[in-house]
Amino acid sequence: MPKCEVRPAAPAEFEAVAGLRWRWVAERDGLPEAGREAFVRAFAAWAGANAATHRCLVLVREDRVIGMAFLAITSRVPAPAVFSRAAGDVQCVYVVPEARDEGLGGR
């Protein structure tokens, strides 16, 4: 089995991530192919514009993005001991069906 790498997404990979997001919803709910290209462009722009608060990780095998996950980071209410605090929310974890059941999502 080829080696997989989990790492932060490069801006050039945001379109591949957008394609995975489209594929995920299409797999779950069904989507017509019409509208995919516009969604991919808009999602890639959104990912770039929100990179400071929504960190994207990708799962890459042989130079192909086969999985993704986002960590949404928000500010927390200050506490007396630590004024600057943050919270994270894991969102949009997806691995393509043909790579599932290999333990990759847990990586």
PDB file of N, CA and C in Angstrom:
ATOM      1  N   MET A   1       0.832  -1.173   0.000  1.00  0.00           N
ATOM      2  CA  MET A   1       0.000   0.000   0.000  1.00  0.00           C
ATOM      3  C   MET A   1       0.886   1.248   0.000  1.00  0.00           C
ATOM      4  N   PRO A   2       0.622   2.204  -0.888  1.00  0.00           N
ATOM      5  CA  PRO A   2       1.439   3.421  -0.940  1.00  0.00           C
ATOM      6  C   PRO A   2       1.309   4.229   0.349  1.00  0.00           C
ATOM      7  N   LYS A   3       2.376   4.917   0.691  1.00  0.00           N
ATOM      8  CA  LYS A   3       2.426   5.727   1.898  1.00  0.00           C
ATOM      9  C   LYS A   3       1.506   6.942   1.766  1.00  0.00           C
ATOM     10  N   CYS A   4       0.858   7.296   2.875  1.00  0.00           N
ATOM     11  CA  CYS A   4       0.003   8.485   2.935  1.00  0.00           C
ATOM     12  C   CYS A   4       0.639   9.514   3.853  1.00  0.00           C
ATOM     13  N   GLU A   5       0.350  10.767   3.584  1.00  0.00           N
ATOM     14  CA  GLU A   5       0.866  11.879   4.374  1.00  0.00           C
ATOM     15  C   GLU A   5      -0.300  12.745   4.815  1.00  0.00           C
ATOM     16  N   VAL A   6      -0.315  13.130   6.079  1.00  0.00           N
ATOM     17  CA  VAL A   6      -1.276  14.098   6.602  1.00  0.00           C
ATOM     18  C   VAL A   6      -0.504  15.371   6.885  1.00  0.00           C
ATOM     19  N   ARG A   7      -1.005  16.488   6.327  1.00  0.00           N
ATOM     20  CA  ARG A   7      -0.292  17.758   6.485  1.00  0.00           C
ATOM     21  C   ARG A   7      -1.246  18.913   6.208  1.00  0.00           C
ATOM     22  N   PRO A   8      -0.828  20.133   6.574  1.00  0.00           N
ATOM     23  CA  PRO A   8      -1.660  21.289   6.227  1.00  0.00           C
ATOM     24  C   PRO A   8      -1.813  21.400   4.711  1.00  0.00           C
ATOM     25  N   ALA A   9      -2.991  21.784   4.283  1.00  0.00           N
ATOM     26  CA  ALA A   9      -3.245  21.960   2.851  1.00  0.00           C
ATOM     27  C   ALA A   9      -2.507  23.187   2.337  1.00  0.00           C
ATOM     28  N   ALA A  10      -1.952  23.062   1.153  1.00  0.00           N
ATOM     29  CA  ALA A  10      -1.371  24.209   0.463  1.00  0.00           C
ATOM     30  C   ALA A  10      -2.510  24.930  -0.262  1.00  0.00           C
ATOM     31  N   PRO A  11      -2.410  26.245  -0.422  1.00  0.00           N
ATOM     32  CA  PRO A  11      -3.467  26.960  -1.146  1.00  0.00           C
ATOM     33  C   PRO A  11      -3.782  26.351  -2.512  1.00  0.00           C
ATOM     34  N   ALA A  12      -2.786  25.816  -3.181  1.00  0.00           N
ATOM     35  CA  ALA A  12      -3.010  25.197  -4.491  1.00  0.00           C
ATOM     36  C   ALA A  12      -3.864  23.932  -4.400  1.00  0.00           C
ATOM     37  N   GLU A  13      -4.039  23.398  -3.196  1.00  0.00           N
ATOM     38  CA  GLU A  13      -4.846  22.178  -3.009  1.00  0.00           C
ATOM     39  C   GLU A  13      -6.291  22.468  -2.619  1.00  0.00           C
ATOM     40  N   PHE A  14      -6.640  23.728  -2.427  1.00  0.00           N
ATOM     41  CA  PHE A  14      -7.998  24.055  -1.993  1.00  0.00           C
ATOM     42  C   PHE A  14      -9.056  23.615  -3.005  1.00  0.00           C
ATOM     43  N   GLU A  15      -8.752  23.624  -4.285  1.00  0.00           N
ATOM     44  CA  GLU A  15      -9.729  23.141  -5.261  1.00  0.00           C
ATOM     45  C   GLU A  15      -9.936  21.639  -5.130  1.00  0.00           C
ATOM     46  N   ALA A  16      -8.875  20.901  -4.844  1.00  0.00           N
ATOM     47  CA  ALA A  16      -9.017  19.462  -4.621  1.00  0.00           C
ATOM     48  C   ALA A  16      -9.865  19.203  -3.373  1.00  0.00           C
ATOM     49  N   VAL A  17      -9.653  19.998  -2.332  1.00  0.00           N
ATOM     50  CA  VAL A  17     -10.444  19.879  -1.103  1.00  0.00           C
ATOM     51  C   VAL A  17     -11.904  20.201  -1.406  1.00  0.00           C
ATOM     52  N   ALA A  18     -12.139  21.223  -2.195  1.00  0.00           N
ATOM     53  CA  ALA A  18     -13.512  21.587  -2.577  1.00  0.00           C
ATOM     54  C   ALA A  18     -14.175  20.449  -3.337  1.00  0.00           C
ATOM     55  N   GLY A  19     -13.407  19.792  -4.195  1.00  0.00           N
ATOM     56  CA  GLY A  19     -13.941  18.636  -4.920  1.00  0.00           C
ATOM     57  C   GLY A  19     -14.333  17.516  -3.979  1.00  0.00           C
ATOM     58  N   LEU A  20     -13.556  17.321  -2.914  1.00  0.00           N
ATOM     59  CA  LEU A  20     -13.905  16.308  -1.916  1.00  0.00           C
ATOM     60  C   LEU A  20     -15.184  16.692  -1.181  1.00  0.00           C
ATOM     61  N   ARG A  21     -15.318  17.966  -0.864  1.00  0.00           N
ATOM     62  CA  ARG A  21     -16.532  18.424  -0.169  1.00  0.00           C
ATOM     63  C   ARG A  21     -17.759  18.184  -1.057  1.00  0.00           C
ATOM     64  N   TRP A  22     -17.636  18.498  -2.332  1.00  0.00           N
ATOM     65  CA  TRP A  22     -18.734  18.243  -3.272  1.00  0.00           C
ATOM     66  C   TRP A  22     -19.039  16.745  -3.337  1.00  0.00           C
ATOM     67  N   ARG A  23     -17.983  15.949  -3.428  1.00  0.00           N
ATOM     68  CA  ARG A  23     -18.156  14.501  -3.534  1.00  0.00           C
ATOM     69  C   ARG A  23     -18.857  13.936  -2.303  1.00  0.00           C
ATOM     70  N   TRP A  24     -18.489  14.441  -1.132  1.00  0.00           N
ATOM     71  CA  TRP A  24     -19.076  13.991   0.119  1.00  0.00           C
ATOM     72  C   TRP A  24     -20.586  14.233   0.120  1.00  0.00           C
ATOM     73  N   VAL A  25     -21.009  15.448  -0.214  1.00  0.00           N
ATOM     74  CA  VAL A  25     -22.438  15.771  -0.221  1.00  0.00           C
ATOM     75  C   VAL A  25     -23.151  14.989  -1.319  1.00  0.00           C
ATOM     76  N   ALA A  26     -22.510  14.838  -2.467  1.00  0.00           N
ATOM     77  CA  ALA A  26     -23.117  14.065  -3.559  1.00  0.00           C
ATOM     78  C   ALA A  26     -23.289  12.608  -3.152  1.00  0.00           C
ATOM     79  N   GLU A  27     -22.311  12.064  -2.454  1.00  0.00           N
ATOM     80  CA  GLU A  27     -22.373  10.677  -1.984  1.00  0.00           C
ATOM     81  C   GLU A  27     -23.513  10.490  -0.987  1.00  0.00           C
ATOM     82  N   ARG A  28     -23.670  11.464  -0.109  1.00  0.00           N
ATOM     83  CA  ARG A  28     -24.671  11.369   0.956  1.00  0.00           C
ATOM     84  C   ARG A  28     -26.078  11.730   0.474  1.00  0.00           C
ATOM     85  N   ASP A  29     -26.194  12.831  -0.271  1.00  0.00           N
ATOM     86  CA  ASP A  29     -27.513  13.370  -0.627  1.00  0.00           C
ATOM     87  C   ASP A  29     -27.831  13.319  -2.110  1.00  0.00           C
ATOM     88  N   GLY A  30     -26.800  13.056  -2.935  1.00  0.00           N
ATOM     89  CA  GLY A  30     -26.986  13.123  -4.377  1.00  0.00           C
ATOM     90  C   GLY A  30     -26.957  14.572  -4.840  1.00  0.00           C
ATOM     91  N   LEU A  31     -26.189  14.847  -5.840  1.00  0.00           N
ATOM     92  CA  LEU A  31     -26.096  16.185  -6.426  1.00  0.00           C
ATOM     93  C   LEU A  31     -25.932  16.042  -7.926  1.00  0.00           C
ATOM     94  N   PRO A  32     -26.551  16.926  -8.694  1.00  0.00           N
ATOM     95  CA  PRO A  32     -26.281  16.916 -10.131  1.00  0.00           C
ATOM     96  C   PRO A  32     -24.879  17.482 -10.373  1.00  0.00           C
ATOM     97  N   GLU A  33     -24.255  17.116 -11.453  1.00  0.00           N
ATOM     98  CA  GLU A  33     -22.913  17.610 -11.761  1.00  0.00           C
ATOM     99  C   GLU A  33     -22.931  19.114 -12.044  1.00  0.00           C
ATOM    100  N   ALA A  34     -24.067  19.619 -12.523  1.00  0.00           N
ATOM    101  CA  ALA A  34     -24.199  21.051 -12.797  1.00  0.00           C
ATOM    102  C   ALA A  34     -23.982  21.826 -11.498  1.00  0.00           C
ATOM    103  N   GLY A  35     -23.174  22.840 -11.558  1.00  0.00           N
ATOM    104  CA  GLY A  35     -22.886  23.656 -10.391  1.00  0.00           C
ATOM    105  C   GLY A  35     -21.606  23.289  -9.683  1.00  0.00           C
ATOM    106  N   ARG A  36     -21.017  22.139 -10.028  1.00  0.00           N
ATOM    107  CA  ARG A  36     -19.807  21.688  -9.347  1.00  0.00           C
ATOM    108  C   ARG A  36     -18.640  22.651  -9.555  1.00  0.00           C
ATOM    109  N   GLU A  37     -18.385  23.045 -10.785  1.00  0.00           N
ATOM    110  CA  GLU A  37     -17.234  23.911 -11.056  1.00  0.00           C
ATOM    111  C   GLU A  37     -17.336  25.236 -10.313  1.00  0.00           C
ATOM    112  N   ALA A  38     -18.529  25.837 -10.304  1.00  0.00           N
ATOM    113  CA  ALA A  38     -18.715  27.112  -9.600  1.00  0.00           C
ATOM    114  C   ALA A  38     -18.511  26.919  -8.099  1.00  0.00           C
ATOM    115  N   PHE A  39     -19.016  25.811  -7.554  1.00  0.00           N
ATOM    116  CA  PHE A  39     -18.828  25.526  -6.133  1.00  0.00           C
ATOM    117  C   PHE A  39     -17.351  25.363  -5.802  1.00  0.00           C
ATOM    118  N   VAL A  40     -16.637  24.616  -6.622  1.00  0.00           N
ATOM    119  CA  VAL A  40     -15.212  24.373  -6.371  1.00  0.00           C
ATOM    120  C   VAL A  40     -14.445  25.693  -6.337  1.00  0.00           C
ATOM    121  N   ARG A  41     -14.702  26.566  -7.290  1.00  0.00           N
ATOM    122  CA  ARG A  41     -14.017  27.871  -7.302  1.00  0.00           C
ATOM    123  C   ARG A  41     -14.373  28.695  -6.063  1.00  0.00           C
ATOM    124  N   ALA A  42     -15.660  28.752  -5.733  1.00  0.00           N
ATOM    125  CA  ALA A  42     -16.098  29.547  -4.586  1.00  0.00           C
ATOM    126  C   ALA A  42     -15.567  28.972  -3.275  1.00  0.00           C
ATOM    127  N   PHE A  43     -15.588  27.649  -3.145  1.00  0.00           N
ATOM    128  CA  PHE A  43     -15.093  27.014  -1.920  1.00  0.00           C
ATOM    129  C   PHE A  43     -13.591  27.249  -1.765  1.00  0.00           C
ATOM    130  N   ALA A  44     -12.846  27.120  -2.838  1.00  0.00           N
ATOM    131  CA  ALA A  44     -11.398  27.347  -2.774  1.00  0.00           C
ATOM    132  C   ALA A  44     -11.105  28.780  -2.338  1.00  0.00           C
ATOM    133  N   ALA A  45     -11.869  29.737  -2.853  1.00  0.00           N
ATOM    134  CA  ALA A  45     -11.691  31.133  -2.449  1.00  0.00           C
ATOM    135  C   ALA A  45     -12.041  31.303  -0.971  1.00  0.00           C
ATOM    136  N   TRP A  46     -13.127  30.662  -0.544  1.00  0.00           N
ATOM    137  CA  TRP A  46     -13.525  30.729   0.867  1.00  0.00           C
ATOM    138  C   TRP A  46     -12.435  30.137   1.762  1.00  0.00           C
ATOM    139  N   ALA A  47     -11.894  28.992   1.395  1.00  0.00           N
ATOM    140  CA  ALA A  47     -10.849  28.345   2.199  1.00  0.00           C
ATOM    141  C   ALA A  47      -9.631  29.250   2.338  1.00  0.00           C
ATOM    142  N   GLY A  48      -9.268  29.918   1.258  1.00  0.00           N
ATOM    143  CA  GLY A  48      -8.140  30.840   1.322  1.00  0.00           C
ATOM    144  C   GLY A  48      -8.431  32.041   2.204  1.00  0.00           C
ATOM    145  N   ALA A  49      -9.634  32.587   2.077  1.00  0.00           N
ATOM    146  CA  ALA A  49     -10.012  33.779   2.841  1.00  0.00           C
ATOM    147  C   ALA A  49     -10.193  33.476   4.330  1.00  0.00           C
ATOM    148  N   ASN A  50     -10.494  32.231   4.673  1.00  0.00           N
ATOM    149  CA  ASN A  50     -10.760  31.854   6.063  1.00  0.00           C
ATOM    150  C   ASN A  50      -9.672  30.973   6.669  1.00  0.00           C
ATOM    151  N   ALA A  51      -8.504  30.958   6.055  1.00  0.00           N
ATOM    152  CA  ALA A  51      -7.424  30.073   6.504  1.00  0.00           C
ATOM    153  C   ALA A  51      -6.963  30.357   7.935  1.00  0.00           C
ATOM    154  N   ALA A  52      -7.130  31.578   8.408  1.00  0.00           N
ATOM    155  CA  ALA A  52      -6.694  31.899   9.768  1.00  0.00           C
ATOM    156  C   ALA A  52      -7.589  31.259  10.820  1.00  0.00           C
ATOM    157  N   THR A  53      -8.860  31.047  10.494  1.00  0.00           N
ATOM    158  CA  THR A  53      -9.794  30.488  11.475  1.00  0.00           C
ATOM    159  C   THR A  53     -10.221  29.065  11.154  1.00  0.00           C
ATOM    160  N   HIS A  54      -9.997  28.621   9.936  1.00  0.00           N
ATOM    161  CA  HIS A  54     -10.386  27.271   9.516  1.00  0.00           C
ATOM    162  C   HIS A  54      -9.163  26.595   8.885  1.00  0.00           C
ATOM    163  N   ARG A  55      -8.410  25.871   9.711  1.00  0.00           N
ATOM    164  CA  ARG A  55      -7.186  25.218   9.249  1.00  0.00           C
ATOM    165  C   ARG A  55      -7.556  23.922   8.551  1.00  0.00           C
ATOM    166  N   CYS A  56      -7.071  23.765   7.348  1.00  0.00           N
ATOM    167  CA  CYS A  56      -7.383  22.583   6.561  1.00  0.00           C
ATOM    168  C   CYS A  56      -6.196  21.629   6.558  1.00  0.00           C
ATOM    169  N   LEU A  57      -6.464  20.377   6.887  1.00  0.00           N
ATOM    170  CA  LEU A  57      -5.473  19.315   6.770  1.00  0.00           C
ATOM    171  C   LEU A  57      -5.898  18.411   5.623  1.00  0.00           C
ATOM    172  N   VAL A  58      -4.916  17.908   4.906  1.00  0.00           N
ATOM    173  CA  VAL A  58      -5.212  16.987   3.810  1.00  0.00           C
ATOM    174  C   VAL A  58      -4.501  15.664   4.041  1.00  0.00           C
ATOM    175  N   LEU A  59      -5.097  14.625   3.491  1.00  0.00           N
ATOM    176  CA  LEU A  59      -4.520  13.291   3.445  1.00  0.00           C
ATOM    177  C   LEU A  59      -4.126  13.074   1.996  1.00  0.00           C
ATOM    178  N   VAL A  60      -2.837  12.860   1.765  1.00  0.00           N
ATOM    179  CA  VAL A  60      -2.321  12.773   0.394  1.00  0.00           C
ATOM    180  C   VAL A  60      -1.673  11.411   0.184  1.00  0.00           C
ATOM    181  N   ARG A  61      -2.026  10.786  -0.926  1.00  0.00           N
ATOM    182  CA  ARG A  61      -1.412   9.523  -1.335  1.00  0.00           C
ATOM    183  C   ARG A  61      -0.987   9.694  -2.787  1.00  0.00           C
ATOM    184  N   GLU A  62       0.293   9.474  -3.046  1.00  0.00           N
ATOM    185  CA  GLU A  62       0.837   9.589  -4.411  1.00  0.00           C
ATOM    186  C   GLU A  62       0.439  10.907  -5.083  1.00  0.00           C
ATOM    187  N   ASP A  63       0.630  12.010  -4.377  1.00  0.00           N
ATOM    188  CA  ASP A  63       0.343  13.359  -4.882  1.00  0.00           C
ATOM    189  C   ASP A  63      -1.130  13.616  -5.166  1.00  0.00           C
ATOM    190  N   ARG A  64      -2.021  12.801  -4.623  1.00  0.00           N
ATOM    191  CA  ARG A  64      -3.462  12.996  -4.806  1.00  0.00           C
ATOM    192  C   ARG A  64      -4.113  13.204  -3.441  1.00  0.00           C
ATOM    193  N   VAL A  65      -4.906  14.256  -3.311  1.00  0.00           N
ATOM    194  CA  VAL A  65      -5.626  14.526  -2.069  1.00  0.00           C
ATOM    195  C   VAL A  65      -6.790  13.548  -1.989  1.00  0.00           C
ATOM    196  N   ILE A  66      -6.755  12.671  -0.980  1.00  0.00           N
ATOM    197  CA  ILE A  66      -7.810  11.656  -0.839  1.00  0.00           C
ATOM    198  C   ILE A  66      -8.608  11.832   0.447  1.00  0.00           C
ATOM    199  N   GLY A  67      -8.268  12.832   1.233  1.00  0.00           N
ATOM    200  CA  GLY A  67      -8.998  13.093   2.463  1.00  0.00           C
ATOM    201  C   GLY A  67      -8.757  14.500   2.947  1.00  0.00           C
ATOM    202  N   MET A  68      -9.639  14.944   3.837  1.00  0.00           N
ATOM    203  CA  MET A  68      -9.523  16.301   4.367  1.00  0.00           C
ATOM    204  C   MET A  68     -10.139  16.365   5.753  1.00  0.00           C
ATOM    205  N   ALA A  69      -9.781  17.396   6.475  1.00  0.00           N
ATOM    206  CA  ALA A  69     -10.400  17.748   7.744  1.00  0.00           C
ATOM    207  C   ALA A  69     -10.127  19.218   7.993  1.00  0.00           C
ATOM    208  N   PHE A  70     -11.072  19.878   8.628  1.00  0.00           N
ATOM    209  CA  PHE A  70     -10.899  21.276   9.001  1.00  0.00           C
ATOM    210  C   PHE A  70     -10.920  21.389  10.517  1.00  0.00           C
ATOM    211  N   LEU A  71     -10.095  22.276  11.041  1.00  0.00           N
ATOM    212  CA  LEU A  71     -10.138  22.654  12.442  1.00  0.00           C
ATOM    213  C   LEU A  71     -10.560  24.113  12.485  1.00  0.00           C
ATOM    214  N   ALA A  72     -11.771  24.364  12.970  1.00  0.00           N
ATOM    215  CA  ALA A  72     -12.272  25.734  13.119  1.00  0.00           C
ATOM    216  C   ALA A  72     -11.823  26.245  14.481  1.00  0.00           C
ATOM    217  N   ILE A  73     -11.139  27.372  14.492  1.00  0.00           N
ATOM    218  CA  ILE A  73     -10.579  27.932  15.720  1.00  0.00           C
ATOM    219  C   ILE A  73     -11.332  29.214  16.062  1.00  0.00           C
ATOM    220  N   THR A  74     -11.832  29.283  17.284  1.00  0.00           N
ATOM    221  CA  THR A  74     -12.548  30.470  17.739  1.00  0.00           C
ATOM    222  C   THR A  74     -11.968  30.948  19.059  1.00  0.00           C
ATOM    223  N   SER A  75     -12.137  32.225  19.320  1.00  0.00           N
ATOM    224  CA  SER A  75     -11.694  32.794  20.594  1.00  0.00           C
ATOM    225  C   SER A  75     -12.639  32.366  21.699  1.00  0.00           C
ATOM    226  N   ARG A  76     -12.072  32.150  22.872  1.00  0.00           N
ATOM    227  CA  ARG A  76     -12.881  31.814  24.041  1.00  0.00           C
ATOM    228  C   ARG A  76     -12.939  33.021  24.971  1.00  0.00           C
ATOM    229  N   VAL A  77     -13.907  33.004  25.829  1.00  0.00           N
ATOM    230  CA  VAL A  77     -14.039  34.061  26.829  1.00  0.00           C
ATOM    231  C   VAL A  77     -12.784  34.047  27.708  1.00  0.00           C
ATOM    232  N   PRO A  78     -12.201  35.218  27.964  1.00  0.00           N
ATOM    233  CA  PRO A  78     -10.990  35.268  28.796  1.00  0.00           C
ATOM    234  C   PRO A  78     -11.235  34.741  30.209  1.00  0.00           C
ATOM    235  N   ALA A  79     -10.181  34.214  30.794  1.00  0.00           N
ATOM    236  CA  ALA A  79     -10.185  33.763  32.191  1.00  0.00           C
ATOM    237  C   ALA A  79      -9.134  34.573  32.946  1.00  0.00           C
ATOM    238  N   PRO A  80      -9.265  34.697  34.261  1.00  0.00           N
ATOM    239  CA  PRO A  80      -8.281  35.489  35.014  1.00  0.00           C
ATOM    240  C   PRO A  80      -6.843  35.009  34.841  1.00  0.00           C
ATOM    241  N   ALA A  81      -6.633  33.704  34.799  1.00  0.00           N
ATOM    242  CA  ALA A  81      -5.267  33.180  34.700  1.00  0.00           C
ATOM    243  C   ALA A  81      -4.731  33.210  33.273  1.00  0.00           C
ATOM    244  N   VAL A  82      -5.607  33.070  32.293  1.00  0.00           N
ATOM    245  CA  VAL A  82      -5.198  33.056  30.883  1.00  0.00           C
ATOM    246  C   VAL A  82      -6.207  33.901  30.102  1.00  0.00           C
ATOM    247  N   PHE A  83      -5.783  35.080  29.738  1.00  0.00           N
ATOM    248  CA  PHE A  83      -6.718  35.985  29.073  1.00  0.00           C
ATOM    249  C   PHE A  83      -6.998  35.579  27.632  1.00  0.00           C
ATOM    250  N   SER A  84      -5.964  35.217  26.911  1.00  0.00           N
ATOM    251  CA  SER A  84      -6.118  34.850  25.499  1.00  0.00           C
ATOM    252  C   SER A  84      -6.291  33.343  25.390  1.00  0.00           C
ATOM    253  N   ARG A  85      -7.500  32.901  25.012  1.00  0.00           N
ATOM    254  CA  ARG A  85      -7.794  31.477  24.927  1.00  0.00           C
ATOM    255  C   ARG A  85      -8.454  31.177  23.590  1.00  0.00           C
ATOM    256  N   ALA A  86      -8.329  29.945  23.145  1.00  0.00           N
ATOM    257  CA  ALA A  86      -8.936  29.525  21.879  1.00  0.00           C
ATOM    258  C   ALA A  86      -9.591  28.165  22.064  1.00  0.00           C
ATOM    259  N   ALA A  87     -10.563  27.901  21.201  1.00  0.00           N
ATOM    260  CA  ALA A  87     -11.231  26.600  21.180  1.00  0.00           C
ATOM    261  C   ALA A  87     -11.207  26.098  19.744  1.00  0.00           C
ATOM    262  N   GLY A  88     -11.199  24.793  19.581  1.00  0.00           N
ATOM    263  CA  GLY A  88     -11.189  24.207  18.248  1.00  0.00           C
ATOM    264  C   GLY A  88     -12.366  23.264  18.049  1.00  0.00           C
ATOM    265  N   ASP A  89     -12.853  23.231  16.833  1.00  0.00           N
ATOM    266  CA  ASP A  89     -13.965  22.364  16.456  1.00  0.00           C
ATOM    267  C   ASP A  89     -13.561  21.628  15.187  1.00  0.00           C
ATOM    268  N   VAL A  90     -13.472  20.307  15.260  1.00  0.00           N
ATOM    269  CA  VAL A  90     -13.112  19.515  14.087  1.00  0.00           C
ATOM    270  C   VAL A  90     -14.343  19.413  13.187  1.00  0.00           C
ATOM    271  N   GLN A  91     -14.160  19.751  11.902  1.00  0.00           N
ATOM    272  CA  GLN A  91     -15.263  19.779  10.949  1.00  0.00           C
ATOM    273  C   GLN A  91     -14.844  19.115   9.648  1.00  0.00           C
ATOM    274  N   CYS A  92     -15.815  18.649   8.913  1.00  0.00           N
ATOM    275  CA  CYS A  92     -15.640  18.175   7.527  1.00  0.00           C
ATOM    276  C   CYS A  92     -14.545  17.125   7.367  1.00  0.00           C
ATOM    277  N   VAL A  93     -14.575  16.092   8.173  1.00  0.00           N
ATOM    278  CA  VAL A  93     -13.609  15.005   8.024  1.00  0.00           C
ATOM    279  C   VAL A  93     -14.151  14.048   6.968  1.00  0.00           C
ATOM    280  N   TYR A  94     -13.359  13.822   5.929  1.00  0.00           N
ATOM    281  CA  TYR A  94     -13.818  12.988   4.816  1.00  0.00           C
ATOM    282  C   TYR A  94     -12.635  12.271   4.188  1.00  0.00           C
ATOM    283  N   VAL A  95     -12.834  11.000   3.864  1.00  0.00           N
ATOM    284  CA  VAL A  95     -11.874  10.195   3.106  1.00  0.00           C
ATOM    285  C   VAL A  95     -12.650   9.567   1.951  1.00  0.00           C
ATOM    286  N   VAL A  96     -12.058   9.558   0.766  1.00  0.00           N
ATOM    287  CA  VAL A  96     -12.747   8.997  -0.398  1.00  0.00           C
ATOM    288  C   VAL A  96     -13.098   7.532  -0.126  1.00  0.00           C
ATOM    289  N   PRO A  97     -14.241   7.076  -0.641  1.00  0.00           N
ATOM    290  CA  PRO A  97     -14.698   5.711  -0.340  1.00  0.00           C
ATOM    291  C   PRO A  97     -13.669   4.626  -0.660  1.00  0.00           C
ATOM    292  N   GLU A  98     -12.936   4.778  -1.743  1.00  0.00           N
ATOM    293  CA  GLU A  98     -11.983   3.735  -2.130  1.00  0.00           C
ATOM    294  C   GLU A  98     -10.766   3.625  -1.209  1.00  0.00           C
ATOM    295  N   ALA A  99     -10.619   4.579  -0.277  1.00  0.00           N
ATOM    296  CA  ALA A  99      -9.496   4.530   0.673  1.00  0.00           C
ATOM    297  C   ALA A  99      -9.974   4.324   2.110  1.00  0.00           C
ATOM    298  N   ARG A 100     -11.237   4.024   2.289  1.00  0.00           N
ATOM    299  CA  ARG A 100     -11.765   3.826   3.641  1.00  0.00           C
ATOM    300  C   ARG A 100     -11.393   2.445   4.189  1.00  0.00           C
ATOM    301  N   ASP A 101     -11.579   2.308   5.483  1.00  0.00           N
ATOM    302  CA  ASP A 101     -11.309   1.054   6.204  1.00  0.00           C
ATOM    303  C   ASP A 101      -9.827   0.693   6.223  1.00  0.00           C
ATOM    304  N   GLU A 102      -8.991   1.726   6.112  1.00  0.00           N
ATOM    305  CA  GLU A 102      -7.534   1.534   6.228  1.00  0.00           C
ATOM    306  C   GLU A 102      -6.973   2.255   7.440  1.00  0.00           C
ATOM    307  N   GLY A 103      -7.845   2.854   8.251  1.00  0.00           N
ATOM    308  CA  GLY A 103      -7.415   3.608   9.415  1.00  0.00           C
ATOM    309  C   GLY A 103      -6.883   4.993   9.109  1.00  0.00           C
ATOM    310  N   LEU A 104      -7.110   5.476   7.897  1.00  0.00           N
ATOM    311  CA  LEU A 104      -6.564   6.759   7.481  1.00  0.00           C
ATOM    312  C   LEU A 104      -7.269   7.939   8.124  1.00  0.00           C
ATOM    313  N   GLY A 105      -8.578   7.843   8.320  1.00  0.00           N
ATOM    314  CA  GLY A 105      -9.321   8.948   8.922  1.00  0.00           C
ATOM    315  C   GLY A 105      -8.852   9.265  10.338  1.00  0.00           C
ATOM    316  N   GLY A 106      -8.409   8.273  11.046  1.00  0.00           N
ATOM    317  CA  GLY A 106      -7.906   8.469  12.391  1.00  0.00           C
ATOM    318  C   GLY A 106      -6.547   9.142  12.453  1.00  0.00           C
ATOM    319  N   ARG A 107      -5.849   9.134  11.346  1.00  0.00           N
ATOM    320  CA  ARG A 107      -4.526   9.772  11.315  1.00  0.00           C
ATOM    321  C   ARG A 107      -4.691  11.255  11.344  1.00  0.00           C
TER     322      ARG A 107
END
